[in-house]
Amino acid sequence: CYHIYSRGNNRMPIFFEERNYVYFLKLYAHHV
């Protein structure tokens, strides 16, 4: 069991628009 997390450098955003969340979830579904 794992808890994996990541944060932007200096707490800067890593998701800028709604489509960034969707793209991340698509990549997650494909690879993980």
PDB file of all heavy atoms in Angstrom:
ATOM      1  N   CYS A   1       0.854  -1.190   0.000  1.00  0.00           N
ATOM      2  CA  CYS A   1       0.000   0.000   0.000  1.00  0.00           C
ATOM      3  C   CYS A   1       0.888   1.237   0.000  1.00  0.00           C
ATOM      4  O   CYS A   1       1.886   1.284   0.719  1.00  0.00           O
ATOM      5  CB  CYS A   1      -0.899   0.011   1.223  1.00  0.00           C
ATOM      6  SG  CYS A   1      -2.147  -1.273   1.184  1.00  0.00           S
ATOM      7  N   TYR A   2       0.512   2.231  -0.785  1.00  0.00           N
ATOM      8  CA  TYR A   2       1.356   3.405  -0.957  1.00  0.00           C
ATOM      9  C   TYR A   2       0.547   4.690  -0.920  1.00  0.00           C
ATOM     10  O   TYR A   2      -0.610   4.719  -1.328  1.00  0.00           O
ATOM     11  CB  TYR A   2       2.099   3.328  -2.295  1.00  0.00           C
ATOM     12  CG  TYR A   2       3.043   2.159  -2.354  1.00  0.00           C
ATOM     13  CD1 TYR A   2       2.639   0.947  -2.897  1.00  0.00           C
ATOM     14  CD2 TYR A   2       4.316   2.262  -1.824  1.00  0.00           C
ATOM     15  CE1 TYR A   2       3.498  -0.130  -2.922  1.00  0.00           C
ATOM     16  CE2 TYR A   2       5.187   1.196  -1.847  1.00  0.00           C
ATOM     17  CZ  TYR A   2       4.769  -0.004  -2.405  1.00  0.00           C
ATOM     18  OH  TYR A   2       5.621  -1.065  -2.416  1.00  0.00           O
ATOM     19  N   HIS A   3       1.178   5.733  -0.434  1.00  0.00           N
ATOM     20  CA  HIS A   3       0.658   7.092  -0.503  1.00  0.00           C
ATOM     21  C   HIS A   3       1.699   7.884  -1.284  1.00  0.00           C
ATOM     22  O   HIS A   3       2.823   8.065  -0.816  1.00  0.00           O
ATOM     23  CB  HIS A   3       0.464   7.676   0.898  1.00  0.00           C
ATOM     24  CG  HIS A   3       0.008   9.089   0.886  1.00  0.00           C
ATOM     25  ND1 HIS A   3       0.389   9.989   1.842  1.00  0.00           N
ATOM     26  CD2 HIS A   3      -0.786   9.765   0.029  1.00  0.00           C
ATOM     27  CE1 HIS A   3      -0.158  11.166   1.574  1.00  0.00           C
ATOM     28  NE2 HIS A   3      -0.867  11.044   0.483  1.00  0.00           N
ATOM     29  N   ILE A   4       1.324   8.315  -2.466  1.00  0.00           N
ATOM     30  CA  ILE A   4       2.250   9.021  -3.348  1.00  0.00           C
ATOM     31  C   ILE A   4       1.742  10.447  -3.514  1.00  0.00           C
ATOM     32  O   ILE A   4       0.548  10.669  -3.746  1.00  0.00           O
ATOM     33  CB  ILE A   4       2.349   8.309  -4.709  1.00  0.00           C
ATOM     34  CG1 ILE A   4       2.888   6.899  -4.499  1.00  0.00           C
ATOM     35  CG2 ILE A   4       3.217   9.095  -5.685  1.00  0.00           C
ATOM     36  CD1 ILE A   4       2.846   6.013  -5.712  1.00  0.00           C
ATOM     37  N   TYR A   5       2.655  11.397  -3.389  1.00  0.00           N
ATOM     38  CA  TYR A   5       2.259  12.794  -3.529  1.00  0.00           C
ATOM     39  C   TYR A   5       3.394  13.593  -4.148  1.00  0.00           C
ATOM     40  O   TYR A   5       4.552  13.180  -4.132  1.00  0.00           O
ATOM     41  CB  TYR A   5       1.870  13.398  -2.169  1.00  0.00           C
ATOM     42  CG  TYR A   5       2.967  13.316  -1.146  1.00  0.00           C
ATOM     43  CD1 TYR A   5       3.853  14.370  -0.983  1.00  0.00           C
ATOM     44  CD2 TYR A   5       3.132  12.189  -0.357  1.00  0.00           C
ATOM     45  CE1 TYR A   5       4.878  14.301  -0.049  1.00  0.00           C
ATOM     46  CE2 TYR A   5       4.147  12.109   0.574  1.00  0.00           C
ATOM     47  CZ  TYR A   5       5.014  13.173   0.721  1.00  0.00           C
ATOM     48  OH  TYR A   5       6.026  13.098   1.637  1.00  0.00           O
ATOM     49  N   SER A   6       3.039  14.719  -4.698  1.00  0.00           N
ATOM     50  CA  SER A   6       4.030  15.630  -5.255  1.00  0.00           C
ATOM     51  C   SER A   6       3.472  17.040  -5.183  1.00  0.00           C
ATOM     52  O   SER A   6       2.261  17.254  -5.295  1.00  0.00           O
ATOM     53  CB  SER A   6       4.354  15.258  -6.704  1.00  0.00           C
ATOM     54  OG  SER A   6       5.410  16.053  -7.189  1.00  0.00           O
ATOM     55  N   ARG A   7       4.359  17.987  -5.017  1.00  0.00           N
ATOM     56  CA  ARG A   7       3.976  19.394  -4.891  1.00  0.00           C
ATOM     57  C   ARG A   7       4.804  20.213  -5.861  1.00  0.00           C
ATOM     58  O   ARG A   7       5.950  19.878  -6.159  1.00  0.00           O
ATOM     59  CB  ARG A   7       4.235  19.848  -3.455  1.00  0.00           C
ATOM     60  CG  ARG A   7       3.863  21.267  -3.166  1.00  0.00           C
ATOM     61  CD  ARG A   7       4.217  21.642  -1.744  1.00  0.00           C
ATOM     62  NE  ARG A   7       3.490  20.827  -0.795  1.00  0.00           N
ATOM     63  CZ  ARG A   7       2.487  21.258  -0.044  1.00  0.00           C
ATOM     64  NH1 ARG A   7       2.122  22.510  -0.115  1.00  0.00           N
ATOM     65  NH2 ARG A   7       1.868  20.453   0.793  1.00  0.00           N
ATOM     66  N   GLY A   8       4.254  21.301  -6.342  1.00  0.00           N
ATOM     67  CA  GLY A   8       4.996  22.205  -7.209  1.00  0.00           C
ATOM     68  C   GLY A   8       6.138  22.867  -6.455  1.00  0.00           C
ATOM     69  O   GLY A   8       6.063  23.061  -5.239  1.00  0.00           O
ATOM     70  N   ASN A   9       7.203  23.209  -7.159  1.00  0.00           N
ATOM     71  CA  ASN A   9       8.331  23.910  -6.537  1.00  0.00           C
ATOM     72  C   ASN A   9       7.848  25.209  -5.897  1.00  0.00           C
ATOM     73  O   ASN A   9       7.068  25.950  -6.485  1.00  0.00           O
ATOM     74  CB  ASN A   9       9.401  24.237  -7.581  1.00  0.00           C
ATOM     75  CG  ASN A   9      10.112  23.003  -8.077  1.00  0.00           C
ATOM     76  OD1 ASN A   9      10.137  21.980  -7.410  1.00  0.00           O
ATOM     77  ND2 ASN A   9      10.688  23.095  -9.261  1.00  0.00           N
ATOM     78  N   ASN A  10       8.305  25.454  -4.677  1.00  0.00           N
ATOM     79  CA  ASN A  10       7.917  26.656  -3.924  1.00  0.00           C
ATOM     80  C   ASN A  10       6.404  26.803  -3.817  1.00  0.00           C
ATOM     81  O   ASN A  10       5.876  27.904  -3.802  1.00  0.00           O
ATOM     82  CB  ASN A  10       8.519  27.917  -4.559  1.00  0.00           C
ATOM     83  CG  ASN A  10      10.019  27.923  -4.491  1.00  0.00           C
ATOM     84  OD1 ASN A  10      10.601  27.546  -3.478  1.00  0.00           O
ATOM     85  ND2 ASN A  10      10.654  28.321  -5.578  1.00  0.00           N
ATOM     86  N   ARG A  11       5.723  25.658  -3.793  1.00  0.00           N
ATOM     87  CA  ARG A  11       4.263  25.616  -3.710  1.00  0.00           C
ATOM     88  C   ARG A  11       3.576  26.309  -4.883  1.00  0.00           C
ATOM     89  O   ARG A  11       2.432  26.764  -4.779  1.00  0.00           O
ATOM     90  CB  ARG A  11       3.784  26.171  -2.381  1.00  0.00           C
ATOM     91  CG  ARG A  11       4.308  25.366  -1.212  1.00  0.00           C
ATOM     92  CD  ARG A  11       3.719  25.809   0.082  1.00  0.00           C
ATOM     93  NE  ARG A  11       4.264  24.968   1.161  1.00  0.00           N
ATOM     94  CZ  ARG A  11       3.849  25.032   2.380  1.00  0.00           C
ATOM     95  NH1 ARG A  11       2.910  25.872   2.725  1.00  0.00           N
ATOM     96  NH2 ARG A  11       4.389  24.246   3.294  1.00  0.00           N
ATOM     97  N   MET A  12       4.274  26.368  -5.997  1.00  0.00           N
ATOM     98  CA  MET A  12       3.689  26.950  -7.205  1.00  0.00           C
ATOM     99  C   MET A  12       2.666  25.981  -7.793  1.00  0.00           C
ATOM    100  O   MET A  12       2.758  24.774  -7.590  1.00  0.00           O
ATOM    101  CB  MET A  12       4.782  27.246  -8.239  1.00  0.00           C
ATOM    102  CG  MET A  12       5.784  28.297  -7.788  1.00  0.00           C
ATOM    103  SD  MET A  12       5.052  29.932  -7.642  1.00  0.00           S
ATOM    104  CE  MET A  12       4.694  30.279  -9.335  1.00  0.00           C
ATOM    105  N   PRO A  13       1.707  26.491  -8.541  1.00  0.00           N
ATOM    106  CA  PRO A  13       0.687  25.611  -9.135  1.00  0.00           C
ATOM    107  C   PRO A  13       1.293  24.592 -10.106  1.00  0.00           C
ATOM    108  O   PRO A  13       2.271  24.874 -10.790  1.00  0.00           O
ATOM    109  CB  PRO A  13      -0.221  26.575  -9.897  1.00  0.00           C
ATOM    110  CG  PRO A  13       0.030  27.915  -9.313  1.00  0.00           C
ATOM    111  CD  PRO A  13       1.452  27.901  -8.822  1.00  0.00           C
ATOM    112  N   ILE A  14       0.687  23.405 -10.126  1.00  0.00           N
ATOM    113  CA  ILE A  14       1.022  22.411 -11.146  1.00  0.00           C
ATOM    114  C   ILE A  14      -0.168  22.186 -12.068  1.00  0.00           C
ATOM    115  O   ILE A  14      -0.016  21.635 -13.146  1.00  0.00           O
ATOM    116  CB  ILE A  14       1.484  21.076 -10.526  1.00  0.00           C
ATOM    117  CG1 ILE A  14       0.433  20.492  -9.599  1.00  0.00           C
ATOM    118  CG2 ILE A  14       2.802  21.256  -9.789  1.00  0.00           C
ATOM    119  CD1 ILE A  14       0.756  19.098  -9.078  1.00  0.00           C
ATOM    120  N   PHE A  15      -1.347  22.598 -11.622  1.00  0.00           N
ATOM    121  CA  PHE A  15      -2.549  22.565 -12.445  1.00  0.00           C
ATOM    122  C   PHE A  15      -3.001  24.013 -12.636  1.00  0.00           C
ATOM    123  O   PHE A  15      -3.275  24.713 -11.663  1.00  0.00           O
ATOM    124  CB  PHE A  15      -3.656  21.756 -11.767  1.00  0.00           C
ATOM    125  CG  PHE A  15      -3.278  20.327 -11.478  1.00  0.00           C
ATOM    126  CD1 PHE A  15      -3.032  19.913 -10.185  1.00  0.00           C
ATOM    127  CD2 PHE A  15      -3.186  19.398 -12.499  1.00  0.00           C
ATOM    128  CE1 PHE A  15      -2.700  18.598  -9.907  1.00  0.00           C
ATOM    129  CE2 PHE A  15      -2.851  18.077 -12.236  1.00  0.00           C
ATOM    130  CZ  PHE A  15      -2.601  17.677 -10.944  1.00  0.00           C
ATOM    131  N   PHE A  16      -3.072  24.449 -13.870  1.00  0.00           N
ATOM    132  CA  PHE A  16      -3.406  25.842 -14.149  1.00  0.00           C
ATOM    133  C   PHE A  16      -4.832  26.017 -14.653  1.00  0.00           C
ATOM    134  O   PHE A  16      -5.441  27.052 -14.444  1.00  0.00           O
ATOM    135  CB  PHE A  16      -2.424  26.427 -15.172  1.00  0.00           C
ATOM    136  CG  PHE A  16      -1.007  26.468 -14.649  1.00  0.00           C
ATOM    137  CD1 PHE A  16      -0.134  25.435 -14.923  1.00  0.00           C
ATOM    138  CD2 PHE A  16      -0.571  27.522 -13.878  1.00  0.00           C
ATOM    139  CE1 PHE A  16       1.162  25.455 -14.442  1.00  0.00           C
ATOM    140  CE2 PHE A  16       0.723  27.556 -13.381  1.00  0.00           C
ATOM    141  CZ  PHE A  16       1.595  26.512 -13.664  1.00  0.00           C
ATOM    142  N   GLU A  17      -5.334  25.007 -15.347  1.00  0.00           N
ATOM    143  CA  GLU A  17      -6.675  25.073 -15.919  1.00  0.00           C
ATOM    144  C   GLU A  17      -7.388  23.756 -15.655  1.00  0.00           C
ATOM    145  O   GLU A  17      -6.751  22.745 -15.356  1.00  0.00           O
ATOM    146  CB  GLU A  17      -6.600  25.286 -17.441  1.00  0.00           C
ATOM    147  CG  GLU A  17      -5.887  26.542 -17.862  1.00  0.00           C
ATOM    148  CD  GLU A  17      -5.738  26.641 -19.370  1.00  0.00           C
ATOM    149  OE1 GLU A  17      -6.375  25.849 -20.091  1.00  0.00           O
ATOM    150  OE2 GLU A  17      -4.983  27.501 -19.819  1.00  0.00           O
ATOM    151  N   GLU A  18      -8.704  23.759 -15.795  1.00  0.00           N
ATOM    152  CA  GLU A  18      -9.495  22.540 -15.597  1.00  0.00           C
ATOM    153  C   GLU A  18      -8.989  21.393 -16.469  1.00  0.00           C
ATOM    154  O   GLU A  18      -8.914  20.253 -16.034  1.00  0.00           O
ATOM    155  CB  GLU A  18     -10.968  22.837 -15.921  1.00  0.00           C
ATOM    156  CG  GLU A  18     -11.902  21.693 -15.622  1.00  0.00           C
ATOM    157  CD  GLU A  18     -12.091  21.433 -14.144  1.00  0.00           C
ATOM    158  OE1 GLU A  18     -11.957  22.363 -13.335  1.00  0.00           O
ATOM    159  OE2 GLU A  18     -12.367  20.272 -13.792  1.00  0.00           O
ATOM    160  N   ARG A  19      -8.575  21.696 -17.673  1.00  0.00           N
ATOM    161  CA  ARG A  19      -8.119  20.640 -18.581  1.00  0.00           C
ATOM    162  C   ARG A  19      -6.823  19.984 -18.098  1.00  0.00           C
ATOM    163  O   ARG A  19      -6.538  18.855 -18.461  1.00  0.00           O
ATOM    164  CB  ARG A  19      -7.969  21.168 -20.008  1.00  0.00           C
ATOM    165  CG  ARG A  19      -6.896  22.208 -20.166  1.00  0.00           C
ATOM    166  CD  ARG A  19      -6.874  22.746 -21.573  1.00  0.00           C
ATOM    167  NE  ARG A  19      -5.827  23.738 -21.706  1.00  0.00           N
ATOM    168  CZ  ARG A  19      -5.273  24.055 -22.834  1.00  0.00           C
ATOM    169  NH1 ARG A  19      -5.667  23.473 -23.951  1.00  0.00           N
ATOM    170  NH2 ARG A  19      -4.331  24.964 -22.868  1.00  0.00           N
ATOM    171  N   ASN A  20      -6.038  20.670 -17.272  1.00  0.00           N
ATOM    172  CA  ASN A  20      -4.829  20.064 -16.711  1.00  0.00           C
ATOM    173  C   ASN A  20      -5.174  18.903 -15.775  1.00  0.00           C
ATOM    174  O   ASN A  20      -4.487  17.880 -15.767  1.00  0.00           O
ATOM    175  CB  ASN A  20      -3.994  21.081 -15.946  1.00  0.00           C
ATOM    176  CG  ASN A  20      -3.503  22.230 -16.785  1.00  0.00           C
ATOM    177  OD1 ASN A  20      -3.484  23.362 -16.307  1.00  0.00           O
ATOM    178  ND2 ASN A  20      -3.108  21.989 -18.021  1.00  0.00           N
ATOM    179  N   TYR A  21      -6.246  19.053 -15.003  1.00  0.00           N
ATOM    180  CA  TYR A  21      -6.705  17.971 -14.123  1.00  0.00           C
ATOM    181  C   TYR A  21      -7.162  16.777 -14.957  1.00  0.00           C
ATOM    182  O   TYR A  21      -6.827  15.627 -14.659  1.00  0.00           O
ATOM    183  CB  TYR A  21      -7.860  18.438 -13.238  1.00  0.00           C
ATOM    184  CG  TYR A  21      -7.520  19.532 -12.269  1.00  0.00           C
ATOM    185  CD1 TYR A  21      -7.778  20.873 -12.562  1.00  0.00           C
ATOM    186  CD2 TYR A  21      -6.965  19.229 -11.036  1.00  0.00           C
ATOM    187  CE1 TYR A  21      -7.482  21.876 -11.665  1.00  0.00           C
ATOM    188  CE2 TYR A  21      -6.659  20.225 -10.121  1.00  0.00           C
ATOM    189  CZ  TYR A  21      -6.919  21.547 -10.449  1.00  0.00           C
ATOM    190  OH  TYR A  21      -6.617  22.529  -9.556  1.00  0.00           O
ATOM    191  N   VAL A  22      -7.926  17.047 -15.997  1.00  0.00           N
ATOM    192  CA  VAL A  22      -8.429  15.988 -16.878  1.00  0.00           C
ATOM    193  C   VAL A  22      -7.265  15.252 -17.546  1.00  0.00           C
ATOM    194  O   VAL A  22      -7.253  14.019 -17.607  1.00  0.00           O
ATOM    195  CB  VAL A  22      -9.397  16.575 -17.933  1.00  0.00           C
ATOM    196  CG1 VAL A  22      -9.807  15.525 -18.943  1.00  0.00           C
ATOM    197  CG2 VAL A  22     -10.610  17.186 -17.251  1.00  0.00           C
ATOM    198  N   TYR A  23      -6.282  15.998 -18.023  1.00  0.00           N
ATOM    199  CA  TYR A  23      -5.115  15.396 -18.672  1.00  0.00           C
ATOM    200  C   TYR A  23      -4.342  14.510 -17.684  1.00  0.00           C
ATOM    201  O   TYR A  23      -3.951  13.392 -18.025  1.00  0.00           O
ATOM    202  CB  TYR A  23      -4.212  16.495 -19.235  1.00  0.00           C
ATOM    203  CG  TYR A  23      -3.009  15.979 -19.973  1.00  0.00           C
ATOM    204  CD1 TYR A  23      -3.146  15.299 -21.170  1.00  0.00           C
ATOM    205  CD2 TYR A  23      -1.734  16.167 -19.461  1.00  0.00           C
ATOM    206  CE1 TYR A  23      -2.036  14.817 -21.855  1.00  0.00           C
ATOM    207  CE2 TYR A  23      -0.621  15.693 -20.130  1.00  0.00           C
ATOM    208  CZ  TYR A  23      -0.777  15.021 -21.327  1.00  0.00           C
ATOM    209  OH  TYR A  23       0.317  14.538 -21.994  1.00  0.00           O
ATOM    210  N   PHE A  24      -4.143  14.989 -16.468  1.00  0.00           N
ATOM    211  CA  PHE A  24      -3.460  14.200 -15.442  1.00  0.00           C
ATOM    212  C   PHE A  24      -4.195  12.891 -15.201  1.00  0.00           C
ATOM    213  O   PHE A  24      -3.581  11.820 -15.137  1.00  0.00           O
ATOM    214  CB  PHE A  24      -3.357  15.004 -14.143  1.00  0.00           C
ATOM    215  CG  PHE A  24      -2.687  14.262 -13.021  1.00  0.00           C
ATOM    216  CD1 PHE A  24      -1.320  14.350 -12.839  1.00  0.00           C
ATOM    217  CD2 PHE A  24      -3.419  13.480 -12.139  1.00  0.00           C
ATOM    218  CE1 PHE A  24      -0.678  13.668 -11.805  1.00  0.00           C
ATOM    219  CE2 PHE A  24      -2.806  12.787 -11.110  1.00  0.00           C
ATOM    220  CZ  PHE A  24      -1.432  12.879 -10.946  1.00  0.00           C
ATOM    221  N   LEU A  25      -5.521  12.942 -15.060  1.00  0.00           N
ATOM    222  CA  LEU A  25      -6.293  11.733 -14.808  1.00  0.00           C
ATOM    223  C   LEU A  25      -6.256  10.769 -15.988  1.00  0.00           C
ATOM    224  O   LEU A  25      -6.241   9.554 -15.806  1.00  0.00           O
ATOM    225  CB  LEU A  25      -7.730  12.093 -14.436  1.00  0.00           C
ATOM    226  CG  LEU A  25      -7.889  12.771 -13.080  1.00  0.00           C
ATOM    227  CD1 LEU A  25      -9.338  13.227 -12.877  1.00  0.00           C
ATOM    228  CD2 LEU A  25      -7.447  11.850 -11.958  1.00  0.00           C
ATOM    229  N   LYS A  26      -6.216  11.301 -17.212  1.00  0.00           N
ATOM    230  CA  LYS A  26      -6.075  10.434 -18.390  1.00  0.00           C
ATOM    231  C   LYS A  26      -4.732   9.725 -18.384  1.00  0.00           C
ATOM    232  O   LYS A  26      -4.653   8.526 -18.653  1.00  0.00           O
ATOM    233  CB  LYS A  26      -6.235  11.239 -19.682  1.00  0.00           C
ATOM    234  CG  LYS A  26      -7.649  11.599 -20.001  1.00  0.00           C
ATOM    235  CD  LYS A  26      -7.731  12.338 -21.322  1.00  0.00           C
ATOM    236  CE  LYS A  26      -9.148  12.742 -21.624  1.00  0.00           C
ATOM    237  NZ  LYS A  26      -9.256  13.476 -22.886  1.00  0.00           N
ATOM    238  N   LEU A  27      -3.665  10.450 -18.072  1.00  0.00           N
ATOM    239  CA  LEU A  27      -2.340   9.829 -17.989  1.00  0.00           C
ATOM    240  C   LEU A  27      -2.304   8.794 -16.869  1.00  0.00           C
ATOM    241  O   LEU A  27      -1.729   7.714 -17.027  1.00  0.00           O
ATOM    242  CB  LEU A  27      -1.260  10.885 -17.751  1.00  0.00           C
ATOM    243  CG  LEU A  27      -0.929  11.800 -18.911  1.00  0.00           C
ATOM    244  CD1 LEU A  27       0.090  12.843 -18.481  1.00  0.00           C
ATOM    245  CD2 LEU A  27      -0.408  11.011 -20.096  1.00  0.00           C
ATOM    246  N   TYR A  28      -2.903   9.117 -15.741  1.00  0.00           N
ATOM    247  CA  TYR A  28      -2.952   8.192 -14.618  1.00  0.00           C
ATOM    248  C   TYR A  28      -3.685   6.909 -15.014  1.00  0.00           C
ATOM    249  O   TYR A  28      -3.210   5.805 -14.742  1.00  0.00           O
ATOM    250  CB  TYR A  28      -3.645   8.863 -13.428  1.00  0.00           C
ATOM    251  CG  TYR A  28      -3.655   8.009 -12.190  1.00  0.00           C
ATOM    252  CD1 TYR A  28      -2.541   7.956 -11.368  1.00  0.00           C
ATOM    253  CD2 TYR A  28      -4.772   7.257 -11.855  1.00  0.00           C
ATOM    254  CE1 TYR A  28      -2.541   7.163 -10.229  1.00  0.00           C
ATOM    255  CE2 TYR A  28      -4.777   6.466 -10.726  1.00  0.00           C
ATOM    256  CZ  TYR A  28      -3.662   6.421  -9.913  1.00  0.00           C
ATOM    257  OH  TYR A  28      -3.650   5.634  -8.805  1.00  0.00           O
ATOM    258  N   ALA A  29      -4.822   7.048 -15.666  1.00  0.00           N
ATOM    259  CA  ALA A  29      -5.589   5.879 -16.102  1.00  0.00           C
ATOM    260  C   ALA A  29      -4.781   5.028 -17.078  1.00  0.00           C
ATOM    261  O   ALA A  29      -4.809   3.796 -17.010  1.00  0.00           O
ATOM    262  CB  ALA A  29      -6.899   6.323 -16.744  1.00  0.00           C
ATOM    263  N   HIS A  30      -4.037   5.656 -17.955  1.00  0.00           N
ATOM    264  CA  HIS A  30      -3.256   4.932 -18.959  1.00  0.00           C
ATOM    265  C   HIS A  30      -2.057   4.201 -18.353  1.00  0.00           C
ATOM    266  O   HIS A  30      -1.779   3.063 -18.703  1.00  0.00           O
ATOM    267  CB  HIS A  30      -2.789   5.896 -20.048  1.00  0.00           C
ATOM    268  CG  HIS A  30      -1.974   5.253 -21.114  1.00  0.00           C
ATOM    269  ND1 HIS A  30      -2.542   4.446 -22.081  1.00  0.00           N
ATOM    270  CD2 HIS A  30      -0.650   5.270 -21.358  1.00  0.00           C
ATOM    271  CE1 HIS A  30      -1.574   4.000 -22.871  1.00  0.00           C
ATOM    272  NE2 HIS A  30      -0.416   4.494 -22.457  1.00  0.00           N
ATOM    273  N   HIS A  31      -1.341   4.854 -17.445  1.00  0.00           N
ATOM    274  CA  HIS A  31      -0.076   4.313 -16.944  1.00  0.00           C
ATOM    275  C   HIS A  31      -0.167   3.578 -15.606  1.00  0.00           C
ATOM    276  O   HIS A  31       0.665   2.722 -15.322  1.00  0.00           O
ATOM    277  CB  HIS A  31       0.962   5.432 -16.810  1.00  0.00           C
ATOM    278  CG  HIS A  31       1.366   6.025 -18.110  1.00  0.00           C
ATOM    279  ND1 HIS A  31       2.204   5.389 -18.992  1.00  0.00           N
ATOM    280  CD2 HIS A  31       1.027   7.194 -18.703  1.00  0.00           C
ATOM    281  CE1 HIS A  31       2.388   6.141 -20.064  1.00  0.00           C
ATOM    282  NE2 HIS A  31       1.671   7.238 -19.909  1.00  0.00           N
ATOM    283  N   VAL A  32      -1.132   3.914 -14.779  1.00  0.00           N
ATOM    284  CA  VAL A  32      -1.144   3.383 -13.413  1.00  0.00           C
ATOM    285  C   VAL A  32      -2.343   2.478 -13.130  1.00  0.00           C
ATOM    286  O   VAL A  32      -2.199   1.462 -12.454  1.00  0.00           O
ATOM    287  CB  VAL A  32      -1.102   4.535 -12.375  1.00  0.00           C
ATOM    288  CG1 VAL A  32      -1.115   4.002 -10.963  1.00  0.00           C
ATOM    289  CG2 VAL A  32       0.105   5.421 -12.615  1.00  0.00           C
TER     290      VAL A  32
END
